[in-house]
Amino acid sequence: MAGGVARSVAGRDGASDAGDSIQIGIAVDIPEPWGGMLTRRRIEAGDPQAVPAHVTLLGPTEIAVSALPAVEEHLARVAAIHLPFTLHLRGTGTFRPVTQVVFVAVAAGISECELLAAAINSAPELQREARFPYHPHVTVAQEVPPEVLDKAYEDLADFSALFEVEAFTLFSHSGAARWQPRRDFRLGG
């Protein structure tokens, strides 16, 4: 399909076309060297949901496996009409006391992330009720003791990374394996 670069995912992450549903998520990967460092920090914090560092555009969403082709076509169209942009991550923030999360803040590229997230969520298959307003960020600690959240907040307060976002990634999870990248969608077609 136009607008995307296929990634190979063995066995489509355990999902078969005969299955009923699959969980998907869409995110901007954080490149090296920052992605690996932020992922290690999350693991070291003892975060039970430690996944590779990313900015979420669509959180975990269950869809019918049969809807995947339409979703991928929608994502290709979204990617084609959005241009690459600069993302600047700087400093830390927290959602406490509402949720026990510490994150690296998005300092520039906020509106681009918001526009991408809104366009992605416009597909009927992807519309879902959000618990909170969309706020682009990179989670570095979640569901860990308060002192660990405080340490992550303080340790990464001076963090800064500046890079170009040229694509977003569709991830899938069938319950049989961890989140797996399915396909990259290059911005600007």
C-alpha atoms as a PDB file:
ATOM      1  CA  MET A   1       0.000   0.000   0.000  1.00  0.00           C
ATOM      2  CA  ALA A   2       1.182   3.507  -0.725  1.00  0.00           C
ATOM      3  CA  GLY A   3       2.583   5.597   2.094  1.00  0.00           C
ATOM      4  CA  GLY A   4       3.970   2.811   4.242  1.00  0.00           C
ATOM      5  CA  VAL A   5       7.091   0.750   4.547  1.00  0.00           C
ATOM      6  CA  ALA A   6       6.372  -2.814   5.560  1.00  0.00           C
ATOM      7  CA  ARG A   7       8.131  -4.201   8.615  1.00  0.00           C
ATOM      8  CA  SER A   8       8.402  -7.928   8.941  1.00  0.00           C
ATOM      9  CA  VAL A   9       6.606  -9.310  11.968  1.00  0.00           C
ATOM     10  CA  ALA A  10       6.807 -13.070  12.327  1.00  0.00           C
ATOM     11  CA  GLY A  11       3.377 -14.631  12.383  1.00  0.00           C
ATOM     12  CA  ARG A  12       1.698 -11.219  12.513  1.00  0.00           C
ATOM     13  CA  ASP A  13       2.374 -11.226  16.256  1.00  0.00           C
ATOM     14  CA  GLY A  14       0.397 -14.385  16.844  1.00  0.00           C
ATOM     15  CA  ALA A  15      -2.807 -13.053  15.314  1.00  0.00           C
ATOM     16  CA  SER A  16      -4.467 -14.996  12.556  1.00  0.00           C
ATOM     17  CA  ASP A  17      -6.939 -13.623  10.066  1.00  0.00           C
ATOM     18  CA  ALA A  18      -9.421 -16.117  11.493  1.00  0.00           C
ATOM     19  CA  GLY A  19      -9.161 -14.494  14.960  1.00  0.00           C
ATOM     20  CA  ASP A  20     -11.801 -12.096  16.146  1.00  0.00           C
ATOM     21  CA  SER A  21      -9.826  -9.112  17.366  1.00  0.00           C
ATOM     22  CA  ILE A  22      -6.393  -7.695  17.917  1.00  0.00           C
ATOM     23  CA  GLN A  23      -5.006  -4.821  19.960  1.00  0.00           C
ATOM     24  CA  ILE A  24      -3.212  -2.090  18.058  1.00  0.00           C
ATOM     25  CA  GLY A  25      -1.397   1.062  19.032  1.00  0.00           C
ATOM     26  CA  ILE A  26       0.272   3.805  17.014  1.00  0.00           C
ATOM     27  CA  ALA A  27       3.365   5.695  18.096  1.00  0.00           C
ATOM     28  CA  VAL A  28       6.375   7.756  17.142  1.00  0.00           C
ATOM     29  CA  ASP A  29       9.538   5.812  17.997  1.00  0.00           C
ATOM     30  CA  ILE A  30      12.286   7.676  19.857  1.00  0.00           C
ATOM     31  CA  PRO A  31      15.526   7.202  17.887  1.00  0.00           C
ATOM     32  CA  GLU A  32      18.924   6.250  19.267  1.00  0.00           C
ATOM     33  CA  PRO A  33      20.741   7.131  21.345  1.00  0.00           C
ATOM     34  CA  TRP A  34      17.818   8.571  23.327  1.00  0.00           C
ATOM     35  CA  GLY A  35      15.300   5.759  22.776  1.00  0.00           C
ATOM     36  CA  GLY A  36      17.499   3.070  24.288  1.00  0.00           C
ATOM     37  CA  MET A  37      18.491   5.269  27.206  1.00  0.00           C
ATOM     38  CA  LEU A  38      14.887   6.188  28.068  1.00  0.00           C
ATOM     39  CA  THR A  39      13.779   2.557  27.703  1.00  0.00           C
ATOM     40  CA  ARG A  40      16.574   1.405  30.061  1.00  0.00           C
ATOM     41  CA  ARG A  41      15.580   4.081  32.579  1.00  0.00           C
ATOM     42  CA  ARG A  42      11.989   2.825  32.549  1.00  0.00           C
ATOM     43  CA  ILE A  43      13.126  -0.777  33.022  1.00  0.00           C
ATOM     44  CA  GLU A  44      15.529   0.231  35.820  1.00  0.00           C
ATOM     45  CA  ALA A  45      12.640   2.024  37.566  1.00  0.00           C
ATOM     46  CA  GLY A  46      10.877  -1.344  37.774  1.00  0.00           C
ATOM     47  CA  ASP A  47       7.996  -0.216  35.562  1.00  0.00           C
ATOM     48  CA  PRO A  48       5.929  -3.356  34.849  1.00  0.00           C
ATOM     49  CA  GLN A  49       4.813  -1.899  31.508  1.00  0.00           C
ATOM     50  CA  ALA A  50       8.285  -0.956  30.268  1.00  0.00           C
ATOM     51  CA  VAL A  51       8.146  -0.845  26.477  1.00  0.00           C
ATOM     52  CA  PRO A  52      10.512   0.880  24.041  1.00  0.00           C
ATOM     53  CA  ALA A  53      10.425   4.674  24.392  1.00  0.00           C
ATOM     54  CA  HIS A  54       7.779   6.333  22.222  1.00  0.00           C
ATOM     55  CA  VAL A  55       5.227   9.115  21.909  1.00  0.00           C
ATOM     56  CA  THR A  56       1.771   7.535  21.704  1.00  0.00           C
ATOM     57  CA  LEU A  57      -0.551   8.708  18.921  1.00  0.00           C
ATOM     58  CA  LEU A  58      -3.212   6.041  19.559  1.00  0.00           C
ATOM     59  CA  GLY A  59      -3.204   4.056  22.787  1.00  0.00           C
ATOM     60  CA  PRO A  60      -4.107   0.368  22.966  1.00  0.00           C
ATOM     61  CA  THR A  61      -7.260  -0.119  20.901  1.00  0.00           C
ATOM     62  CA  GLU A  62      -9.023  -3.374  20.156  1.00  0.00           C
ATOM     63  CA  ILE A  63     -10.233  -3.808  16.579  1.00  0.00           C
ATOM     64  CA  ALA A  64     -11.504  -6.673  14.480  1.00  0.00           C
ATOM     65  CA  VAL A  65      -8.689  -8.421  12.616  1.00  0.00           C
ATOM     66  CA  SER A  66     -10.788  -8.012   9.477  1.00  0.00           C
ATOM     67  CA  ALA A  67     -10.562  -4.209   9.934  1.00  0.00           C
ATOM     68  CA  LEU A  68      -6.745  -4.135   9.693  1.00  0.00           C
ATOM     69  CA  PRO A  69      -6.615  -3.508   5.917  1.00  0.00           C
ATOM     70  CA  ALA A  70      -8.979  -0.513   6.221  1.00  0.00           C
ATOM     71  CA  VAL A  71      -6.999   0.817   9.202  1.00  0.00           C
ATOM     72  CA  GLU A  72      -3.720   0.510   7.311  1.00  0.00           C
ATOM     73  CA  GLU A  73      -5.210   2.317   4.299  1.00  0.00           C
ATOM     74  CA  HIS A  74      -6.429   5.098   6.607  1.00  0.00           C
ATOM     75  CA  LEU A  75      -2.994   5.392   8.227  1.00  0.00           C
ATOM     76  CA  ALA A  76      -1.314   5.593   4.802  1.00  0.00           C
ATOM     77  CA  ARG A  77      -3.649   8.473   3.866  1.00  0.00           C
ATOM     78  CA  VAL A  78      -2.961  10.248   7.170  1.00  0.00           C
ATOM     79  CA  ALA A  79       0.804   9.873   6.745  1.00  0.00           C
ATOM     80  CA  ALA A  80       0.687  11.132   3.164  1.00  0.00           C
ATOM     81  CA  ILE A  81      -0.900  14.468   4.133  1.00  0.00           C
ATOM     82  CA  HIS A  82       1.285  15.201   7.180  1.00  0.00           C
ATOM     83  CA  LEU A  83       4.831  16.465   6.719  1.00  0.00           C
ATOM     84  CA  PRO A  84       7.886  15.385   8.712  1.00  0.00           C
ATOM     85  CA  PHE A  85       8.521  17.595  11.741  1.00  0.00           C
ATOM     86  CA  THR A  86      11.042  18.329  14.475  1.00  0.00           C
ATOM     87  CA  LEU A  87      10.355  16.851  17.905  1.00  0.00           C
ATOM     88  CA  HIS A  88      12.116  18.332  20.913  1.00  0.00           C
ATOM     89  CA  LEU A  89      11.961  16.388  24.162  1.00  0.00           C
ATOM     90  CA  ARG A  90      13.029  18.419  27.174  1.00  0.00           C
ATOM     91  CA  GLY A  91      12.730  18.003  30.911  1.00  0.00           C
ATOM     92  CA  THR A  92      10.195  16.016  32.902  1.00  0.00           C
ATOM     93  CA  GLY A  93       6.576  16.249  33.931  1.00  0.00           C
ATOM     94  CA  THR A  94       4.065  14.187  35.829  1.00  0.00           C
ATOM     95  CA  PHE A  95       0.375  13.381  35.809  1.00  0.00           C
ATOM     96  CA  ARG A  96       0.322  12.930  39.599  1.00  0.00           C
ATOM     97  CA  PRO A  97      -1.932  12.873  41.555  1.00  0.00           C
ATOM     98  CA  VAL A  98      -4.379  11.804  38.816  1.00  0.00           C
ATOM     99  CA  THR A  99      -2.175   8.931  37.621  1.00  0.00           C
ATOM    100  CA  GLN A 100       1.174   7.715  38.886  1.00  0.00           C
ATOM    101  CA  VAL A 101       3.203   8.629  35.805  1.00  0.00           C
ATOM    102  CA  VAL A 102       6.425  10.560  35.228  1.00  0.00           C
ATOM    103  CA  PHE A 103       7.317  11.486  31.668  1.00  0.00           C
ATOM    104  CA  VAL A 104       9.790  13.337  29.487  1.00  0.00           C
ATOM    105  CA  ALA A 105       7.991  16.367  28.110  1.00  0.00           C
ATOM    106  CA  VAL A 106       7.488  17.294  24.476  1.00  0.00           C
ATOM    107  CA  ALA A 107       8.760  20.879  24.179  1.00  0.00           C
ATOM    108  CA  ALA A 108       8.339  21.310  20.409  1.00  0.00           C
ATOM    109  CA  GLY A 109       6.255  19.260  18.004  1.00  0.00           C
ATOM    110  CA  ILE A 110       3.217  19.254  20.287  1.00  0.00           C
ATOM    111  CA  SER A 111       0.770  20.551  17.691  1.00  0.00           C
ATOM    112  CA  GLU A 112       2.097  18.158  15.045  1.00  0.00           C
ATOM    113  CA  CYS A 113       1.542  15.212  17.412  1.00  0.00           C
ATOM    114  CA  GLU A 114      -1.931  16.496  18.268  1.00  0.00           C
ATOM    115  CA  LEU A 115      -2.871  16.859  14.594  1.00  0.00           C
ATOM    116  CA  LEU A 116      -1.555  13.377  13.775  1.00  0.00           C
ATOM    117  CA  ALA A 117      -3.390  11.826  16.735  1.00  0.00           C
ATOM    118  CA  ALA A 118      -6.659  13.533  15.762  1.00  0.00           C
ATOM    119  CA  ALA A 119      -6.344  12.440  12.125  1.00  0.00           C
ATOM    120  CA  ILE A 120      -5.533   8.859  13.144  1.00  0.00           C
ATOM    121  CA  ASN A 121      -8.486   8.759  15.535  1.00  0.00           C
ATOM    122  CA  SER A 122     -10.871   9.952  12.816  1.00  0.00           C
ATOM    123  CA  ALA A 123     -11.210   6.432  11.368  1.00  0.00           C
ATOM    124  CA  PRO A 124     -14.471   4.805  12.538  1.00  0.00           C
ATOM    125  CA  GLU A 125     -12.570   1.638  13.516  1.00  0.00           C
ATOM    126  CA  LEU A 126     -10.267   3.646  15.799  1.00  0.00           C
ATOM    127  CA  GLN A 127     -12.700   5.948  17.551  1.00  0.00           C
ATOM    128  CA  ARG A 128     -12.880   5.251  21.254  1.00  0.00           C
ATOM    129  CA  GLU A 129     -13.697   7.113  24.383  1.00  0.00           C
ATOM    130  CA  ALA A 130     -10.570   8.680  25.853  1.00  0.00           C
ATOM    131  CA  ARG A 131     -10.077   8.672  29.617  1.00  0.00           C
ATOM    132  CA  PHE A 132      -7.952  11.825  29.456  1.00  0.00           C
ATOM    133  CA  PRO A 133      -7.260  14.592  26.915  1.00  0.00           C
ATOM    134  CA  TYR A 134      -4.400  13.788  24.525  1.00  0.00           C
ATOM    135  CA  HIS A 135      -1.038  15.035  25.832  1.00  0.00           C
ATOM    136  CA  PRO A 136       2.065  13.947  23.874  1.00  0.00           C
ATOM    137  CA  HIS A 137       4.860  12.720  26.151  1.00  0.00           C
ATOM    138  CA  VAL A 138       7.340   9.864  26.700  1.00  0.00           C
ATOM    139  CA  THR A 139       6.520   7.806  29.803  1.00  0.00           C
ATOM    140  CA  VAL A 140       9.621   6.974  31.865  1.00  0.00           C
ATOM    141  CA  ALA A 141       8.024   5.616  35.071  1.00  0.00           C
ATOM    142  CA  GLN A 142       4.546   4.299  35.825  1.00  0.00           C
ATOM    143  CA  GLU A 143       2.997   2.137  38.524  1.00  0.00           C
ATOM    144  CA  VAL A 144       6.099   2.247  40.716  1.00  0.00           C
ATOM    145  CA  PRO A 145       6.563   3.518  44.295  1.00  0.00           C
ATOM    146  CA  PRO A 146       6.417   7.308  44.813  1.00  0.00           C
ATOM    147  CA  GLU A 147      10.137   7.551  45.629  1.00  0.00           C
ATOM    148  CA  VAL A 148      10.975   5.880  42.297  1.00  0.00           C
ATOM    149  CA  LEU A 149       8.693   8.330  40.480  1.00  0.00           C
ATOM    150  CA  ASP A 150      10.453  11.203  42.290  1.00  0.00           C
ATOM    151  CA  LYS A 151      13.885   9.868  41.310  1.00  0.00           C
ATOM    152  CA  ALA A 152      12.916   9.532  37.623  1.00  0.00           C
ATOM    153  CA  TYR A 153      11.466  13.050  37.698  1.00  0.00           C
ATOM    154  CA  GLU A 154      14.663  14.494  39.184  1.00  0.00           C
ATOM    155  CA  ASP A 155      17.181  12.394  37.233  1.00  0.00           C
ATOM    156  CA  LEU A 156      15.762  13.339  33.838  1.00  0.00           C
ATOM    157  CA  ALA A 157      14.953  16.986  34.598  1.00  0.00           C
ATOM    158  CA  ASP A 158      17.822  18.141  32.349  1.00  0.00           C
ATOM    159  CA  PHE A 159      17.101  15.643  29.566  1.00  0.00           C
ATOM    160  CA  SER A 160      17.008  17.053  26.043  1.00  0.00           C
ATOM    161  CA  ALA A 161      16.722  15.431  22.610  1.00  0.00           C
ATOM    162  CA  LEU A 162      16.018  17.033  19.253  1.00  0.00           C
ATOM    163  CA  PHE A 163      15.255  14.925  16.160  1.00  0.00           C
ATOM    164  CA  GLU A 164      13.203  14.738  12.983  1.00  0.00           C
ATOM    165  CA  VAL A 165      10.047  12.622  12.943  1.00  0.00           C
ATOM    166  CA  GLU A 166       9.724  11.099   9.501  1.00  0.00           C
ATOM    167  CA  ALA A 167       7.276   8.263  10.258  1.00  0.00           C
ATOM    168  CA  PHE A 168       4.934   6.716  12.773  1.00  0.00           C
ATOM    169  CA  THR A 169       4.514   3.017  13.515  1.00  0.00           C
ATOM    170  CA  LEU A 170       1.519   0.702  13.798  1.00  0.00           C
ATOM    171  CA  PHE A 171       2.042  -1.853  16.573  1.00  0.00           C
ATOM    172  CA  SER A 172      -0.076  -4.919  17.314  1.00  0.00           C
ATOM    173  CA  HIS A 173      -0.589  -7.250  20.252  1.00  0.00           C
ATOM    174  CA  SER A 174      -2.688 -10.384  20.200  1.00  0.00           C
ATOM    175  CA  GLY A 175      -2.073 -11.402  23.803  1.00  0.00           C
ATOM    176  CA  ALA A 176       0.320 -14.145  22.696  1.00  0.00           C
ATOM    177  CA  ALA A 177       3.347 -11.848  22.513  1.00  0.00           C
ATOM    178  CA  ARG A 178       4.539  -8.392  23.492  1.00  0.00           C
ATOM    179  CA  TRP A 179       3.773  -5.362  21.343  1.00  0.00           C
ATOM    180  CA  GLN A 180       5.303  -5.853  17.905  1.00  0.00           C
ATOM    181  CA  PRO A 181       5.878  -3.294  15.138  1.00  0.00           C
ATOM    182  CA  ARG A 182       3.651  -4.098  12.127  1.00  0.00           C
ATOM    183  CA  ARG A 183       4.308  -1.288   9.714  1.00  0.00           C
ATOM    184  CA  ASP A 184       5.943   2.140   9.452  1.00  0.00           C
ATOM    185  CA  PHE A 185       4.070   4.973   7.743  1.00  0.00           C
ATOM    186  CA  ARG A 186       6.327   7.645   6.223  1.00  0.00           C
ATOM    187  CA  LEU A 187       5.125  11.214   6.619  1.00  0.00           C
ATOM    188  CA  GLY A 188       4.627  13.221   3.454  1.00  0.00           C
ATOM    189  CA  GLY A 189       3.965  10.119   1.368  1.00  0.00           C
END
